[in-house]
Amino acid sequence: MTERTARRDAVRQEAPTVSVDDLLNERSELRKSLADLKRATRSAVVRRREEQRLKPYQAELIRMQKHLEATQQRMIILFEGRDAAGKGGTIRRVTRYMNEKHYRVVALGKPTEHQRTQWFFQRYVEQFPRGGEQVLFDRSWYNRAMVEPVFGFCTPEEYENFMHGVVGFEKDLVRQGTILIKLYFSVTKDEQARRFERRKTDPLRQWKLSEIDVQAQDRWDDFTHQKYEMLRQTHTSWAPWTIIRSNDKAKARLNAMKVILNSVPYDRLDPNLDFVPDLNVVVSGAHELEIMNAQMLREGRFTA
């Protein structure tokens, strides 16, 4: 045996033995990694297309903002709905390219002991817009109609006082020239659960998960009842509710923009753009009440 042959045999003996099962497992893992990469790539492409589709409407929002500034009109937009319904993401898209000097996003926390002694609406009124400004409330005074009674953060008397007073409060607000838009983002129970689960495992979204969020699924029916009473008592001709079906976030964002743009008679930047809301996504508060009443008659309970 030559020295070269001996070295070759020694290398072969030292080389690890790879079984057929190991090779098959490695191939399976490789295929899985490639499939995950393809899905991630497709998702990124879809998200980019969705964001690009919003841009013409975001340009219209800038045009509308300039109109409000020129005419010194005031605008308030309320973003309400269950936890994880897509309110925050929509607000970020609506304001992404706007002039920061002429809009504010307001997300008030728990009231202080001093604020608890004030007129209930006072801390909200302090945030109201000046002429030519927009204020977007990420949850609003309607916390008292939804979250507070469900979790016992207000007394029955405080709740009743609010429900009797809010209609007149909003009527006076609109009468004095403020444009008031009330949006309620409606998500299904299964979709809310899926979004909560993602928040638990995604380090970039974990900060969104609160103790109240954890209880939201268990109190689903309570929230549905409060939603019904809120719509029944506070959907008015001067301050109507608009329901945004938000299981599909992209469609919800686009259609919320259309609702906002259609609330102001400004000169369109692009008159050929489609400003008609998708009726499968945008529902009037009155029609939502009809749907919920029909559910109660058929099933003896609200089913959404």
Protein backbone atom coordinates (compact mmCIF):
# COMPACT_ATOMS: atom_id res chain seq x y z
CA MET A 1 0.00 0.00 0.00
CA THR A 2 1.35 3.37 -0.99
CA GLU A 3 1.60 6.25 1.44
CA ARG A 4 -1.06 8.15 -0.53
CA THR A 5 -3.52 5.24 -0.32
CA ALA A 6 -2.89 4.91 3.39
CA ARG A 7 -3.65 8.57 3.99
CA ARG A 8 -6.86 8.32 1.96
CA ASP A 9 -8.04 5.29 3.95
CA ALA A 10 -7.25 7.05 7.21
CA VAL A 11 -9.34 10.08 6.17
CA ARG A 12 -12.22 7.79 5.24
CA GLN A 13 -12.06 6.09 8.64
CA GLU A 14 -12.07 9.44 10.45
CA ALA A 15 -14.99 10.83 8.42
CA PRO A 16 -18.33 10.71 10.30
CA THR A 17 -20.92 8.26 9.09
CA VAL A 18 -24.10 9.93 7.76
CA SER A 19 -27.21 7.77 7.78
CA VAL A 20 -30.00 7.90 5.23
CA ASP A 21 -32.39 9.11 7.96
CA ASP A 22 -30.06 12.02 8.75
CA LEU A 23 -29.98 13.02 5.10
CA LEU A 24 -33.77 12.80 4.84
CA ASN A 25 -34.24 14.89 7.98
CA GLU A 26 -31.79 17.47 6.71
CA ARG A 27 -33.63 17.66 3.39
CA SER A 28 -36.96 18.03 5.21
CA GLU A 29 -35.61 20.87 7.35
CA LEU A 30 -34.21 22.57 4.28
CA ARG A 31 -37.55 22.36 2.50
CA LYS A 32 -39.32 23.75 5.56
CA SER A 33 -36.86 26.66 5.73
CA LEU A 34 -37.39 27.41 2.05
CA ALA A 35 -41.19 27.26 2.47
CA ASP A 36 -41.00 29.65 5.45
CA LEU A 37 -38.82 32.00 3.42
CA LYS A 38 -41.28 31.95 0.52
CA ARG A 39 -44.21 32.67 2.84
CA ALA A 40 -42.35 35.52 4.50
CA THR A 41 -41.41 36.95 1.10
CA ARG A 42 -45.00 36.71 -0.16
CA SER A 43 -46.28 38.37 3.03
CA ALA A 44 -43.77 41.19 2.66
CA VAL A 45 -44.78 41.71 -0.99
CA VAL A 46 -48.49 41.72 -0.06
CA ARG A 47 -47.91 44.21 2.77
CA ARG A 48 -45.94 46.48 0.47
CA ARG A 49 -48.73 46.39 -2.12
CA GLU A 50 -51.28 47.21 0.57
CA GLU A 51 -49.23 50.15 1.81
CA GLN A 52 -48.74 51.41 -1.76
CA ARG A 53 -52.49 51.23 -2.32
CA LEU A 54 -53.03 53.61 0.60
CA LYS A 55 -50.73 56.33 -0.72
CA PRO A 56 -53.19 58.08 -3.08
CA TYR A 57 -55.63 58.36 -0.15
CA GLN A 58 -52.89 59.56 2.18
CA ALA A 59 -52.18 62.29 -0.39
CA GLU A 60 -55.89 63.18 -0.31
CA LEU A 61 -55.73 63.38 3.49
CA ILE A 62 -52.96 65.98 3.16
CA ARG A 63 -55.14 67.92 0.70
CA MET A 64 -58.06 67.71 3.13
CA GLN A 65 -55.81 68.86 5.98
CA LYS A 66 -54.81 71.94 3.98
CA HIS A 67 -58.51 72.68 3.37
CA LEU A 68 -59.24 72.50 7.11
CA GLU A 69 -56.33 74.81 7.79
CA ALA A 70 -57.42 77.31 5.13
CA THR A 71 -61.02 77.36 6.39
CA GLN A 72 -60.07 77.16 10.09
CA GLN A 73 -62.39 74.20 10.60
CA ARG A 74 -62.03 71.86 13.55
CA MET A 75 -62.15 68.06 13.20
CA ILE A 76 -62.40 65.34 15.85
CA ILE A 77 -62.15 61.66 14.92
CA LEU A 78 -62.99 59.01 17.51
CA PHE A 79 -61.43 55.56 17.11
CA GLU A 80 -63.36 53.08 19.22
CA GLY A 81 -63.71 49.31 19.26
CA ARG A 82 -62.56 46.20 21.07
CA ASP A 83 -58.93 45.60 21.99
CA ALA A 84 -56.82 44.48 18.99
CA ALA A 85 -59.47 45.73 16.54
CA GLY A 86 -56.91 47.75 14.55
CA LYS A 87 -57.48 51.28 15.83
CA GLY A 88 -53.82 52.17 16.42
CA GLY A 89 -52.61 50.81 13.09
CA THR A 90 -55.26 52.80 11.25
CA ILE A 91 -54.36 56.00 13.10
CA ARG A 92 -50.71 55.56 12.12
CA ARG A 93 -51.63 55.18 8.44
CA VAL A 94 -54.05 58.11 8.49
CA THR A 95 -51.47 60.48 9.98
CA ARG A 96 -48.30 59.09 8.37
CA TYR A 97 -47.73 61.95 5.90
CA MET A 98 -49.76 64.70 7.54
CA ASN A 99 -48.30 67.97 8.76
CA GLU A 100 -47.62 67.40 12.46
CA LYS A 101 -48.37 71.05 13.22
CA HIS A 102 -52.03 70.59 12.38
CA TYR A 103 -53.01 67.28 13.97
CA ARG A 104 -52.69 65.55 17.32
CA VAL A 105 -53.26 61.95 18.43
CA VAL A 106 -54.71 61.76 21.93
CA ALA A 107 -54.69 58.57 23.99
CA LEU A 108 -55.57 59.52 27.56
CA GLY A 109 -54.62 57.24 30.41
CA LYS A 110 -56.34 56.56 33.68
CA PRO A 111 -57.76 59.79 35.19
CA THR A 112 -55.99 61.26 38.20
CA GLU A 113 -57.74 61.68 41.53
CA HIS A 114 -58.07 65.39 40.74
CA GLN A 115 -59.63 64.66 37.33
CA ARG A 116 -62.11 62.30 38.96
CA THR A 117 -63.58 65.28 40.81
CA GLN A 118 -64.09 67.27 37.57
CA TRP A 119 -66.91 67.27 35.04
CA PHE A 120 -66.44 63.98 33.18
CA PHE A 121 -65.91 65.58 29.75
CA GLN A 122 -63.45 68.19 31.03
CA ARG A 123 -60.20 66.33 30.41
CA TYR A 124 -61.35 65.51 26.86
CA VAL A 125 -62.44 69.08 26.12
CA GLU A 126 -58.96 70.25 27.15
CA GLN A 127 -57.63 68.24 24.16
CA PHE A 128 -60.08 69.61 21.59
CA PRO A 129 -58.74 71.13 18.36
CA ARG A 130 -58.24 74.78 17.57
CA GLY A 131 -59.26 76.17 14.17
CA GLY A 132 -57.54 74.31 11.32
CA GLU A 133 -56.54 71.36 13.49
CA GLN A 134 -57.51 67.68 13.68
CA VAL A 135 -57.53 65.63 16.87
CA LEU A 136 -57.68 61.85 16.65
CA PHE A 137 -58.77 60.13 19.87
CA ASP A 138 -57.39 56.60 20.33
CA ARG A 139 -60.32 55.75 22.60
CA SER A 140 -62.37 58.65 23.84
CA TRP A 141 -65.13 59.62 26.25
CA TYR A 142 -66.87 56.44 25.08
CA ASN A 143 -64.65 54.51 27.50
CA ARG A 144 -67.49 55.24 29.92
CA ALA A 145 -69.95 53.50 27.60
CA MET A 146 -67.82 50.37 27.01
CA VAL A 147 -64.74 49.59 29.10
CA GLU A 148 -65.64 51.27 32.40
CA PRO A 149 -69.01 49.57 33.02
CA VAL A 150 -67.68 46.15 31.97
CA PHE A 151 -64.79 46.29 34.43
CA GLY A 152 -66.57 48.22 37.16
CA PHE A 153 -64.47 51.38 36.72
CA CYS A 154 -67.58 53.56 37.07
CA THR A 155 -70.78 53.35 39.07
CA PRO A 156 -74.16 52.59 37.44
CA GLU A 157 -75.17 56.18 38.19
CA GLU A 158 -72.06 57.58 36.46
CA TYR A 159 -72.79 55.38 33.45
CA GLU A 160 -76.42 56.52 33.24
CA ASN A 161 -75.42 60.19 33.60
CA PHE A 162 -72.97 59.80 30.73
CA MET A 163 -75.45 58.08 28.43
CA HIS A 164 -78.03 60.81 29.06
CA GLY A 165 -75.54 63.65 28.65
CA VAL A 166 -73.32 62.60 25.74
CA VAL A 167 -75.97 63.12 23.04
CA GLY A 168 -76.49 66.75 23.97
CA PHE A 169 -72.76 67.26 24.44
CA GLU A 170 -72.07 66.08 20.89
CA LYS A 171 -75.01 67.99 19.46
CA ASP A 172 -73.62 71.22 20.88
CA LEU A 173 -70.14 70.35 19.63
CA VAL A 174 -71.37 69.82 16.07
CA ARG A 175 -73.73 72.82 16.21
CA GLN A 176 -70.74 75.06 16.91
CA GLY A 177 -68.94 73.87 13.78
CA THR A 178 -66.75 70.93 14.81
CA ILE A 179 -66.63 68.04 12.33
CA LEU A 180 -67.15 64.91 14.47
CA ILE A 181 -66.45 61.45 13.04
CA LYS A 182 -67.18 58.40 15.20
CA LEU A 183 -65.58 55.15 13.99
CA TYR A 184 -66.15 51.79 15.68
CA PHE A 185 -63.75 49.02 14.61
CA SER A 186 -65.49 45.65 14.73
CA VAL A 187 -63.43 42.46 14.91
CA THR A 188 -64.66 38.88 15.41
CA LYS A 189 -63.92 36.89 18.56
CA ASP A 190 -61.73 34.36 16.73
CA GLU A 191 -59.69 37.08 15.03
CA GLN A 192 -59.22 38.95 18.31
CA ALA A 193 -57.97 35.72 19.92
CA ARG A 194 -55.50 35.19 17.06
CA ARG A 195 -54.16 38.73 17.44
CA PHE A 196 -53.80 38.33 21.20
CA GLU A 197 -51.86 35.10 20.68
CA ARG A 198 -49.52 36.87 18.30
CA ARG A 199 -48.95 39.61 20.85
CA LYS A 200 -47.93 37.00 23.42
CA THR A 201 -45.21 35.52 21.20
CA ASP A 202 -44.00 38.53 19.20
CA PRO A 203 -41.43 40.59 21.16
CA LEU A 204 -42.27 43.63 19.01
CA ARG A 205 -45.94 43.46 20.01
CA GLN A 206 -45.81 42.22 23.61
CA TRP A 207 -46.05 45.77 24.95
CA LYS A 208 -49.56 45.98 23.49
CA LEU A 209 -50.86 43.16 25.71
CA SER A 210 -52.41 44.46 28.94
CA GLU A 211 -54.23 42.79 31.81
CA ILE A 212 -57.52 44.07 30.41
CA ASP A 213 -56.68 42.49 27.04
CA VAL A 214 -56.25 39.12 28.75
CA GLN A 215 -59.83 39.36 30.09
CA ALA A 216 -61.37 40.66 26.86
CA GLN A 217 -62.19 37.22 25.46
CA ASP A 218 -63.87 36.07 28.69
CA ARG A 219 -65.98 39.25 28.76
CA TRP A 220 -66.84 39.18 25.05
CA ASP A 221 -70.62 39.03 25.59
CA ASP A 222 -70.48 41.87 28.13
CA PHE A 223 -68.70 44.09 25.62
CA THR A 224 -71.20 43.14 22.91
CA HIS A 225 -74.08 44.18 25.16
CA GLN A 226 -72.37 47.51 25.90
CA LYS A 227 -71.73 48.05 22.19
CA TYR A 228 -75.43 47.54 21.46
CA GLU A 229 -76.52 50.01 24.15
CA MET A 230 -73.92 52.55 22.99
CA LEU A 231 -75.15 52.41 19.38
CA ARG A 232 -78.81 52.39 20.41
CA GLN A 233 -78.52 55.47 22.59
CA THR A 234 -75.78 57.54 20.92
CA HIS A 235 -76.16 56.97 17.15
CA THR A 236 -77.74 60.25 16.06
CA SER A 237 -78.27 62.16 12.83
CA TRP A 238 -75.78 64.85 13.90
CA ALA A 239 -73.17 62.45 15.33
CA PRO A 240 -73.66 59.04 13.69
CA TRP A 241 -71.54 55.95 14.26
CA THR A 242 -69.74 54.27 11.36
CA ILE A 243 -68.79 50.63 11.83
CA ILE A 244 -65.56 49.42 10.21
CA ARG A 245 -65.29 45.64 9.80
CA SER A 246 -61.63 45.14 10.68
CA ASN A 247 -60.81 41.44 10.39
CA ASP A 248 -58.92 42.46 7.24
CA LYS A 249 -56.67 45.26 8.48
CA ALA A 250 -55.73 46.52 5.02
CA LYS A 251 -59.35 46.93 3.93
CA ALA A 252 -60.28 48.50 7.26
CA ARG A 253 -57.53 51.13 6.96
CA LEU A 254 -58.40 51.99 3.36
CA ASN A 255 -62.11 52.31 4.04
CA ALA A 256 -61.63 54.31 7.22
CA MET A 257 -59.67 56.80 5.11
CA LYS A 258 -62.53 56.97 2.62
CA VAL A 259 -65.03 57.68 5.41
CA ILE A 260 -62.85 60.50 6.74
CA LEU A 261 -62.29 62.01 3.30
CA ASN A 262 -66.00 61.89 2.47
CA SER A 263 -66.81 63.90 5.60
CA VAL A 264 -65.33 67.13 4.20
CA PRO A 265 -66.33 68.86 0.92
CA TYR A 266 -62.80 69.79 -0.16
CA ASP A 267 -61.45 69.94 -3.73
CA ARG A 268 -60.19 66.45 -4.55
CA LEU A 269 -56.56 66.06 -5.49
CA ASP A 270 -57.54 63.18 -7.80
CA PRO A 271 -61.27 63.23 -8.66
CA ASN A 272 -60.89 59.91 -10.49
CA LEU A 273 -59.84 58.07 -7.34
CA ASP A 274 -62.44 55.65 -5.95
CA PHE A 275 -63.91 57.27 -2.84
CA VAL A 276 -66.84 54.85 -2.49
CA PRO A 277 -66.54 52.75 0.69
CA ASP A 278 -66.78 48.97 0.46
CA LEU A 279 -70.21 48.11 1.86
CA ASN A 280 -68.82 44.80 3.15
CA VAL A 281 -66.44 46.79 5.35
CA VAL A 282 -68.27 50.04 6.15
CA VAL A 283 -71.65 49.76 7.88
CA SER A 284 -73.76 52.55 9.34
CA GLY A 285 -74.52 52.46 13.02
CA ALA A 286 -78.23 52.21 12.22
CA HIS A 287 -77.70 49.13 10.04
CA GLU A 288 -75.48 47.53 12.67
CA LEU A 289 -78.32 47.92 15.15
CA GLU A 290 -80.67 46.23 12.68
CA ILE A 291 -78.23 43.33 12.31
CA MET A 292 -77.87 42.96 16.08
CA ASN A 293 -81.65 43.14 16.62
CA ALA A 294 -82.10 40.39 14.01
CA GLN A 295 -79.51 38.25 15.82
CA MET A 296 -81.42 38.66 19.07
CA LEU A 297 -84.72 37.69 17.43
CA ARG A 298 -83.27 34.60 15.71
CA GLU A 299 -80.87 33.33 18.35
CA GLY A 300 -82.07 34.96 21.55
CA ARG A 301 -78.62 36.53 21.90
CA PHE A 302 -76.09 38.65 20.04
CA THR A 303 -73.88 36.40 17.92
CA ALA A 304 -71.19 38.94 16.89
